Amino acid sequence: MAEANTTFPKFHNEAGLASISIGAHEFECVGALPPHDHPHIYLDMGEKSEITCPYCSTLFRFDAGLGVMDSIPPGLLYGDGKVSER
């Protein structure tokens, strides 16, 4: 059986916010922007509505009203809107 090609958005927390709302359950956290980023870590909330990054301690909260690549505050998608493959 072939494995599905799944993509996930990456979010940064350059401002060092305590929490960020996002529209994705599965994503990657990069921490601050390079060169001060941490390892780009895949996080999956599963059935929960929030998860904390073990590297930077950012609390990510799922918001069903947001698109997969959207965040509150806005503009925290890392890169040029492309998503990473896992």
PDB file of N, CA and C in Angstrom:
ATOM      1  N   MET A   1       0.841  -1.169   0.000  1.00  0.00           N
ATOM      2  CA  MET A   1       0.000   0.000   0.000  1.00  0.00           C
ATOM      3  C   MET A   1       0.888   1.236   0.000  1.00  0.00           C
ATOM      4  N   ALA A   2       0.602   2.188  -0.884  1.00  0.00           N
ATOM      5  CA  ALA A   2       1.386   3.409  -0.979  1.00  0.00           C
ATOM      6  C   ALA A   2       1.026   4.346   0.163  1.00  0.00           C
ATOM      7  N   GLU A   3       2.046   5.034   0.678  1.00  0.00           N
ATOM      8  CA  GLU A   3       1.836   5.993   1.756  1.00  0.00           C
ATOM      9  C   GLU A   3       1.316   7.301   1.167  1.00  0.00           C
ATOM     10  N   ALA A   4       0.378   7.920   1.827  1.00  0.00           N
ATOM     11  CA  ALA A   4      -0.212   9.168   1.344  1.00  0.00           C
ATOM     12  C   ALA A   4       0.796  10.301   1.443  1.00  0.00           C
ATOM     13  N   ASN A   5       0.766  11.209   0.485  1.00  0.00           N
ATOM     14  CA  ASN A   5       1.605  12.397   0.514  1.00  0.00           C
ATOM     15  C   ASN A   5       0.846  13.463   1.301  1.00  0.00           C
ATOM     16  N   THR A   6       1.242  13.686   2.533  1.00  0.00           N
ATOM     17  CA  THR A   6       0.546  14.613   3.415  1.00  0.00           C
ATOM     18  C   THR A   6       1.434  15.820   3.675  1.00  0.00           C
ATOM     19  N   THR A   7       0.846  16.988   3.690  1.00  0.00           N
ATOM     20  CA  THR A   7       1.611  18.207   3.935  1.00  0.00           C
ATOM     21  C   THR A   7       1.054  18.939   5.145  1.00  0.00           C
ATOM     22  N   PHE A   8       1.945  19.666   5.818  1.00  0.00           N
ATOM     23  CA  PHE A   8       1.583  20.366   7.042  1.00  0.00           C
ATOM     24  C   PHE A   8       2.144  21.780   7.009  1.00  0.00           C
ATOM     25  N   PRO A   9       1.414  22.760   7.519  1.00  0.00           N
ATOM     26  CA  PRO A   9       1.956  24.119   7.613  1.00  0.00           C
ATOM     27  C   PRO A   9       2.992  24.205   8.728  1.00  0.00           C
ATOM     28  N   LYS A  10       3.873  25.187   8.617  1.00  0.00           N
ATOM     29  CA  LYS A  10       4.861  25.472   9.661  1.00  0.00           C
ATOM     30  C   LYS A  10       4.544  26.850  10.232  1.00  0.00           C
ATOM     31  N   PHE A  11       4.582  26.945  11.556  1.00  0.00           N
ATOM     32  CA  PHE A  11       4.337  28.217  12.223  1.00  0.00           C
ATOM     33  C   PHE A  11       5.549  28.610  13.061  1.00  0.00           C
ATOM     34  N   HIS A  12       5.812  29.930  13.136  1.00  0.00           N
ATOM     35  CA  HIS A  12       6.897  30.438  13.976  1.00  0.00           C
ATOM     36  C   HIS A  12       6.304  31.265  15.116  1.00  0.00           C
ATOM     37  N   ASN A  13       7.134  31.505  16.108  1.00  0.00           N
ATOM     38  CA  ASN A  13       6.741  32.351  17.239  1.00  0.00           C
ATOM     39  C   ASN A  13       7.885  33.304  17.547  1.00  0.00           C
ATOM     40  N   GLU A  14       8.248  34.100  16.557  1.00  0.00           N
ATOM     41  CA  GLU A  14       9.348  35.059  16.704  1.00  0.00           C
ATOM     42  C   GLU A  14       9.103  36.024  17.856  1.00  0.00           C
ATOM     43  N   ALA A  15       7.858  36.384  18.097  1.00  0.00           N
ATOM     44  CA  ALA A  15       7.527  37.353  19.154  1.00  0.00           C
ATOM     45  C   ALA A  15       7.560  36.756  20.555  1.00  0.00           C
ATOM     46  N   GLY A  16       7.672  35.429  20.661  1.00  0.00           N
ATOM     47  CA  GLY A  16       7.708  34.796  21.976  1.00  0.00           C
ATOM     48  C   GLY A  16       6.377  34.843  22.702  1.00  0.00           C
ATOM     49  N   LEU A  17       5.285  34.723  21.944  1.00  0.00           N
ATOM     50  CA  LEU A  17       3.942  34.741  22.532  1.00  0.00           C
ATOM     51  C   LEU A  17       3.701  33.496  23.376  1.00  0.00           C
ATOM     52  N   ALA A  18       2.899  33.625  24.405  1.00  0.00           N
ATOM     53  CA  ALA A  18       2.569  32.474  25.251  1.00  0.00           C
ATOM     54  C   ALA A  18       1.663  31.492  24.520  1.00  0.00           C
ATOM     55  N   SER A  19       0.728  32.001  23.690  1.00  0.00           N
ATOM     56  CA  SER A  19      -0.174  31.120  22.951  1.00  0.00           C
ATOM     57  C   SER A  19      -0.501  31.706  21.583  1.00  0.00           C
ATOM     58  N   ILE A  20      -0.816  30.797  20.671  1.00  0.00           N
ATOM     59  CA  ILE A  20      -1.155  31.142  19.293  1.00  0.00           C
ATOM     60  C   ILE A  20      -2.345  30.288  18.891  1.00  0.00           C
ATOM     61  N   SER A  21      -3.325  30.888  18.238  1.00  0.00           N
ATOM     62  CA  SER A  21      -4.456  30.140  17.691  1.00  0.00           C
ATOM     63  C   SER A  21      -4.172  29.844  16.229  1.00  0.00           C
ATOM     64  N   ILE A  22      -4.425  28.604  15.813  1.00  0.00           N
ATOM     65  CA  ILE A  22      -4.177  28.196  14.435  1.00  0.00           C
ATOM     66  C   ILE A  22      -5.352  27.370  13.921  1.00  0.00           C
ATOM     67  N   GLY A  23      -5.424  27.208  12.615  1.00  0.00           N
ATOM     68  CA  GLY A  23      -6.509  26.455  12.006  1.00  0.00           C
ATOM     69  C   GLY A  23      -6.124  25.057  11.588  1.00  0.00           C
ATOM     70  N   ALA A  24      -5.083  24.506  12.171  1.00  0.00           N
ATOM     71  CA  ALA A  24      -4.613  23.160  11.827  1.00  0.00           C
ATOM     72  C   ALA A  24      -4.448  22.327  13.086  1.00  0.00           C
ATOM     73  N   HIS A  25      -4.782  21.041  12.990  1.00  0.00           N
ATOM     74  CA  HIS A  25      -4.517  20.111  14.095  1.00  0.00           C
ATOM     75  C   HIS A  25      -3.112  19.521  13.988  1.00  0.00           C
ATOM     76  N   GLU A  26      -2.594  19.414  12.753  1.00  0.00           N
ATOM     77  CA  GLU A  26      -1.261  18.874  12.506  1.00  0.00           C
ATOM     78  C   GLU A  26      -0.427  19.961  11.833  1.00  0.00           C
ATOM     79  N   PHE A  27       0.769  20.190  12.364  1.00  0.00           N
ATOM     80  CA  PHE A  27       1.609  21.286  11.886  1.00  0.00           C
ATOM     81  C   PHE A  27       3.027  21.096  12.393  1.00  0.00           C
ATOM     82  N   GLU A  28       3.911  22.009  12.016  1.00  0.00           N
ATOM     83  CA  GLU A  28       5.261  22.031  12.551  1.00  0.00           C
ATOM     84  C   GLU A  28       5.504  23.363  13.232  1.00  0.00           C
ATOM     85  N   CYS A  29       6.220  23.327  14.335  1.00  0.00           N
ATOM     86  CA  CYS A  29       6.640  24.528  15.037  1.00  0.00           C
ATOM     87  C   CYS A  29       8.133  24.700  14.772  1.00  0.00           C
ATOM     88  N   VAL A  30       8.552  25.932  14.457  1.00  0.00           N
ATOM     89  CA  VAL A  30       9.967  26.217  14.225  1.00  0.00           C
ATOM     90  C   VAL A  30      10.540  27.113  15.322  1.00  0.00           C
ATOM     91  N   GLY A  31       9.691  27.546  16.259  1.00  0.00           N
ATOM     92  CA  GLY A  31      10.142  28.460  17.310  1.00  0.00           C
ATOM     93  C   GLY A  31      10.357  29.839  16.729  1.00  0.00           C
ATOM     94  N   ALA A  32      11.464  30.456  17.067  1.00  0.00           N
ATOM     95  CA  ALA A  32      11.813  31.767  16.506  1.00  0.00           C
ATOM     96  C   ALA A  32      12.252  31.588  15.058  1.00  0.00           C
ATOM     97  N   LEU A  33      12.385  32.682  14.357  1.00  0.00           N
ATOM     98  CA  LEU A  33      12.842  32.613  12.973  1.00  0.00           C
ATOM     99  C   LEU A  33      14.343  32.317  12.916  1.00  0.00           C
ATOM    100  N   PRO A  34      14.807  31.668  11.855  1.00  0.00           N
ATOM    101  CA  PRO A  34      16.246  31.409  11.708  1.00  0.00           C
ATOM    102  C   PRO A  34      17.021  32.727  11.746  1.00  0.00           C
ATOM    103  N   PRO A  35      18.176  32.746  12.340  1.00  0.00           N
ATOM    104  CA  PRO A  35      18.966  31.593  12.748  1.00  0.00           C
ATOM    105  C   PRO A  35      18.718  31.142  14.180  1.00  0.00           C
ATOM    106  N   HIS A  36      17.689  31.665  14.829  1.00  0.00           N
ATOM    107  CA  HIS A  36      17.418  31.333  16.232  1.00  0.00           C
ATOM    108  C   HIS A  36      16.296  30.311  16.394  1.00  0.00           C
ATOM    109  N   ASP A  37      15.976  29.594  15.324  1.00  0.00           N
ATOM    110  CA  ASP A  37      14.908  28.598  15.378  1.00  0.00           C
ATOM    111  C   ASP A  37      15.358  27.364  16.141  1.00  0.00           C
ATOM    112  N   HIS A  38      14.391  26.576  16.567  1.00  0.00           N
ATOM    113  CA  HIS A  38      14.699  25.280  17.179  1.00  0.00           C
ATOM    114  C   HIS A  38      14.439  24.208  16.122  1.00  0.00           C
ATOM    115  N   PRO A  39      14.763  22.942  16.398  1.00  0.00           N
ATOM    116  CA  PRO A  39      14.441  21.901  15.407  1.00  0.00           C
ATOM    117  C   PRO A  39      12.974  22.001  14.991  1.00  0.00           C
ATOM    118  N   HIS A  40      12.723  21.895  13.709  1.00  0.00           N
ATOM    119  CA  HIS A  40      11.354  21.999  13.181  1.00  0.00           C
ATOM    120  C   HIS A  40      10.613  20.720  13.542  1.00  0.00           C
ATOM    121  N   ILE A  41       9.733  20.835  14.514  1.00  0.00           N
ATOM    122  CA  ILE A  41       9.109  19.659  15.123  1.00  0.00           C
ATOM    123  C   ILE A  41       7.644  19.523  14.688  1.00  0.00           C
ATOM    124  N   TYR A  42       7.285  18.305  14.293  1.00  0.00           N
ATOM    125  CA  TYR A  42       5.917  17.970  13.909  1.00  0.00           C
ATOM    126  C   TYR A  42       5.086  17.790  15.172  1.00  0.00           C
ATOM    127  N   LEU A  43       3.928  18.449  15.216  1.00  0.00           N
ATOM    128  CA  LEU A  43       3.016  18.330  16.355  1.00  0.00           C
ATOM    129  C   LEU A  43       1.632  17.947  15.850  1.00  0.00           C
ATOM    130  N   ASP A  44       0.975  17.067  16.566  1.00  0.00           N
ATOM    131  CA  ASP A  44      -0.360  16.587  16.199  1.00  0.00           C
ATOM    132  C   ASP A  44      -1.248  16.675  17.430  1.00  0.00           C
ATOM    133  N   MET A  45      -2.277  17.523  17.375  1.00  0.00           N
ATOM    134  CA  MET A  45      -3.206  17.675  18.498  1.00  0.00           C
ATOM    135  C   MET A  45      -4.125  16.470  18.644  1.00  0.00           C
ATOM    136  N   GLY A  46      -4.283  15.696  17.575  1.00  0.00           N
ATOM    137  CA  GLY A  46      -5.217  14.577  17.627  1.00  0.00           C
ATOM    138  C   GLY A  46      -6.624  15.088  17.863  1.00  0.00           C
ATOM    139  N   GLU A  47      -7.314  14.544  18.823  1.00  0.00           N
ATOM    140  CA  GLU A  47      -8.691  14.942  19.146  1.00  0.00           C
ATOM    141  C   GLU A  47      -8.746  16.146  20.090  1.00  0.00           C
ATOM    142  N   LYS A  48      -7.591  16.545  20.602  1.00  0.00           N
ATOM    143  CA  LYS A  48      -7.549  17.673  21.547  1.00  0.00           C
ATOM    144  C   LYS A  48      -7.636  18.995  20.797  1.00  0.00           C
ATOM    145  N   SER A  49      -7.800  20.065  21.535  1.00  0.00           N
ATOM    146  CA  SER A  49      -7.905  21.388  20.921  1.00  0.00           C
ATOM    147  C   SER A  49      -6.680  22.257  21.184  1.00  0.00           C
ATOM    148  N   GLU A  50      -5.651  21.691  21.843  1.00  0.00           N
ATOM    149  CA  GLU A  50      -4.433  22.450  22.076  1.00  0.00           C
ATOM    150  C   GLU A  50      -3.255  21.519  22.324  1.00  0.00           C
ATOM    151  N   ILE A  51      -2.059  22.068  22.089  1.00  0.00           N
ATOM    152  CA  ILE A  51      -0.823  21.314  22.312  1.00  0.00           C
ATOM    153  C   ILE A  51       0.296  22.307  22.589  1.00  0.00           C
ATOM    154  N   THR A  52       1.252  21.913  23.419  1.00  0.00           N
ATOM    155  CA  THR A  52       2.389  22.761  23.746  1.00  0.00           C
ATOM    156  C   THR A  52       3.644  22.215  23.075  1.00  0.00           C
ATOM    157  N   CYS A  53       4.391  23.104  22.423  1.00  0.00           N
ATOM    158  CA  CYS A  53       5.651  22.703  21.798  1.00  0.00           C
ATOM    159  C   CYS A  53       6.660  22.377  22.893  1.00  0.00           C
ATOM    160  N   PRO A  54       7.291  21.194  22.843  1.00  0.00           N
ATOM    161  CA  PRO A  54       8.244  20.827  23.886  1.00  0.00           C
ATOM    162  C   PRO A  54       9.557  21.611  23.823  1.00  0.00           C
ATOM    163  N   TYR A  55       9.831  22.284  22.720  1.00  0.00           N
ATOM    164  CA  TYR A  55      11.060  23.070  22.608  1.00  0.00           C
ATOM    165  C   TYR A  55      10.888  24.503  23.104  1.00  0.00           C
ATOM    166  N   CYS A  56       9.862  25.208  22.619  1.00  0.00           N
ATOM    167  CA  CYS A  56       9.728  26.634  22.944  1.00  0.00           C
ATOM    168  C   CYS A  56       8.575  26.933  23.900  1.00  0.00           C
ATOM    169  N   SER A  57       7.814  25.923  24.271  1.00  0.00           N
ATOM    170  CA  SER A  57       6.700  26.035  25.217  1.00  0.00           C
ATOM    171  C   SER A  57       5.539  26.888  24.712  1.00  0.00           C
ATOM    172  N   THR A  58       5.463  27.119  23.407  1.00  0.00           N
ATOM    173  CA  THR A  58       4.321  27.835  22.850  1.00  0.00           C
ATOM    174  C   THR A  58       3.082  26.948  22.932  1.00  0.00           C
ATOM    175  N   LEU A  59       2.000  27.488  23.437  1.00  0.00           N
ATOM    176  CA  LEU A  59       0.726  26.781  23.478  1.00  0.00           C
ATOM    177  C   LEU A  59      -0.017  27.088  22.182  1.00  0.00           C
ATOM    178  N   PHE A  60      -0.273  26.069  21.374  1.00  0.00           N
ATOM    179  CA  PHE A  60      -1.032  26.218  20.139  1.00  0.00           C
ATOM    180  C   PHE A  60      -2.456  25.766  20.402  1.00  0.00           C
ATOM    181  N   ARG A  61      -3.415  26.617  20.051  1.00  0.00           N
ATOM    182  CA  ARG A  61      -4.836  26.310  20.237  1.00  0.00           C
ATOM    183  C   ARG A  61      -5.514  26.233  18.881  1.00  0.00           C
ATOM    184  N   PHE A  62      -6.313  25.183  18.671  1.00  0.00           N
ATOM    185  CA  PHE A  62      -7.044  25.032  17.419  1.00  0.00           C
ATOM    186  C   PHE A  62      -8.244  25.959  17.406  1.00  0.00           C
ATOM    187  N   ASP A  63      -8.431  26.660  16.279  1.00  0.00           N
ATOM    188  CA  ASP A  63      -9.577  27.542  16.075  1.00  0.00           C
ATOM    189  C   ASP A  63     -10.227  27.129  14.766  1.00  0.00           C
ATOM    190  N   ALA A  64     -11.407  26.516  14.839  1.00  0.00           N
ATOM    191  CA  ALA A  64     -12.097  26.001  13.649  1.00  0.00           C
ATOM    192  C   ALA A  64     -12.495  27.101  12.681  1.00  0.00           C
ATOM    193  N   GLY A  65     -12.501  28.330  13.109  1.00  0.00           N
ATOM    194  CA  GLY A  65     -12.848  29.448  12.242  1.00  0.00           C
ATOM    195  C   GLY A  65     -11.697  29.922  11.362  1.00  0.00           C
ATOM    196  N   LEU A  66     -10.506  29.356  11.566  1.00  0.00           N
ATOM    197  CA  LEU A  66      -9.331  29.742  10.790  1.00  0.00           C
ATOM    198  C   LEU A  66      -9.050  28.730   9.694  1.00  0.00           C
ATOM    199  N   GLY A  67      -8.431  29.182   8.614  1.00  0.00           N
ATOM    200  CA  GLY A  67      -7.949  28.282   7.572  1.00  0.00           C
ATOM    201  C   GLY A  67      -6.705  27.554   8.061  1.00  0.00           C
ATOM    202  N   VAL A  68      -6.345  26.484   7.394  1.00  0.00           N
ATOM    203  CA  VAL A  68      -5.215  25.644   7.815  1.00  0.00           C
ATOM    204  C   VAL A  68      -3.909  26.435   7.948  1.00  0.00           C
ATOM    205  N   MET A  69      -3.725  27.456   7.131  1.00  0.00           N
ATOM    206  CA  MET A  69      -2.476  28.228   7.178  1.00  0.00           C
ATOM    207  C   MET A  69      -2.628  29.566   7.886  1.00  0.00           C
ATOM    208  N   ASP A  70      -3.732  29.745   8.612  1.00  0.00           N
ATOM    209  CA  ASP A  70      -3.994  31.009   9.299  1.00  0.00           C
ATOM    210  C   ASP A  70      -3.660  30.918  10.780  1.00  0.00           C
ATOM    211  N   SER A  71      -3.405  32.072  11.363  1.00  0.00           N
ATOM    212  CA  SER A  71      -3.092  32.138  12.794  1.00  0.00           C
ATOM    213  C   SER A  71      -3.634  33.437  13.373  1.00  0.00           C
ATOM    214  N   ILE A  72      -3.805  33.423  14.680  1.00  0.00           N
ATOM    215  CA  ILE A  72      -4.101  34.631  15.447  1.00  0.00           C
ATOM    216  C   ILE A  72      -3.034  34.697  16.536  1.00  0.00           C
ATOM    217  N   PRO A  73      -2.190  35.743  16.518  1.00  0.00           N
ATOM    218  CA  PRO A  73      -2.189  36.845  15.575  1.00  0.00           C
ATOM    219  C   PRO A  73      -1.799  36.384  14.167  1.00  0.00           C
ATOM    220  N   PRO A  74      -2.184  37.170  13.158  1.00  0.00           N
ATOM    221  CA  PRO A  74      -1.898  36.780  11.782  1.00  0.00           C
ATOM    222  C   PRO A  74      -0.410  36.878  11.449  1.00  0.00           C
ATOM    223  N   GLY A  75      -0.012  36.191  10.371  1.00  0.00           N
ATOM    224  CA  GLY A  75       1.352  36.315   9.862  1.00  0.00           C
ATOM    225  C   GLY A  75       2.374  35.391  10.470  1.00  0.00           C
ATOM    226  N   LEU A  76       1.956  34.339  11.147  1.00  0.00           N
ATOM    227  CA  LEU A  76       2.920  33.444  11.798  1.00  0.00           C
ATOM    228  C   LEU A  76       3.244  32.197  10.983  1.00  0.00           C
ATOM    229  N   LEU A  77       2.734  32.114   9.764  1.00  0.00           N
ATOM    230  CA  LEU A  77       3.084  31.004   8.883  1.00  0.00           C
ATOM    231  C   LEU A  77       4.536  31.180   8.468  1.00  0.00           C
ATOM    232  N   TYR A  78       5.339  30.157   8.656  1.00  0.00           N
ATOM    233  CA  TYR A  78       6.759  30.221   8.317  1.00  0.00           C
ATOM    234  C   TYR A  78       6.962  29.975   6.825  1.00  0.00           C
ATOM    235  N   GLY A  79       7.762  30.774   6.184  1.00  0.00           N
ATOM    236  CA  GLY A  79       8.057  30.595   4.773  1.00  0.00           C
ATOM    237  C   GLY A  79       7.126  31.411   3.907  1.00  0.00           C
ATOM    238  N   ASP A  80       6.981  30.966   2.677  1.00  0.00           N
ATOM    239  CA  ASP A  80       6.208  31.720   1.695  1.00  0.00           C
ATOM    240  C   ASP A  80       4.841  31.119   1.439  1.00  0.00           C
ATOM    241  N   GLY A  81       4.292  30.430   2.421  1.00  0.00           N
ATOM    242  CA  GLY A  81       2.970  29.833   2.249  1.00  0.00           C
ATOM    243  C   GLY A  81       3.040  28.386   1.810  1.00  0.00           C
ATOM    244  N   LYS A  82       4.255  27.904   1.534  1.00  0.00           N
ATOM    245  CA  LYS A  82       4.397  26.489   1.177  1.00  0.00           C
ATOM    246  C   LYS A  82       4.328  25.670   2.453  1.00  0.00           C
ATOM    247  N   VAL A  83       3.860  24.456   2.323  1.00  0.00           N
ATOM    248  CA  VAL A  83       3.798  23.579   3.485  1.00  0.00           C
ATOM    249  C   VAL A  83       4.848  22.498   3.351  1.00  0.00           C
ATOM    250  N   SER A  84       5.297  21.983   4.458  1.00  0.00           N
ATOM    251  CA  SER A  84       6.334  20.955   4.449  1.00  0.00           C
ATOM    252  C   SER A  84       5.730  19.580   4.296  1.00  0.00           C
ATOM    253  N   GLU A  85       6.503  18.671   3.767  1.00  0.00           N
ATOM    254  CA  GLU A  85       6.049  17.289   3.651  1.00  0.00           C
ATOM    255  C   GLU A  85       6.670  16.488   4.766  1.00  0.00           C
ATOM    256  N   ARG A  86       5.914  15.558   5.272  1.00  0.00           N
ATOM    257  CA  ARG A  86       6.418  14.701   6.344  1.00  0.00           C
ATOM    258  C   ARG A  86       6.433  13.291   5.846  1.00  0.00           C
TER     259      ARG A  86
END
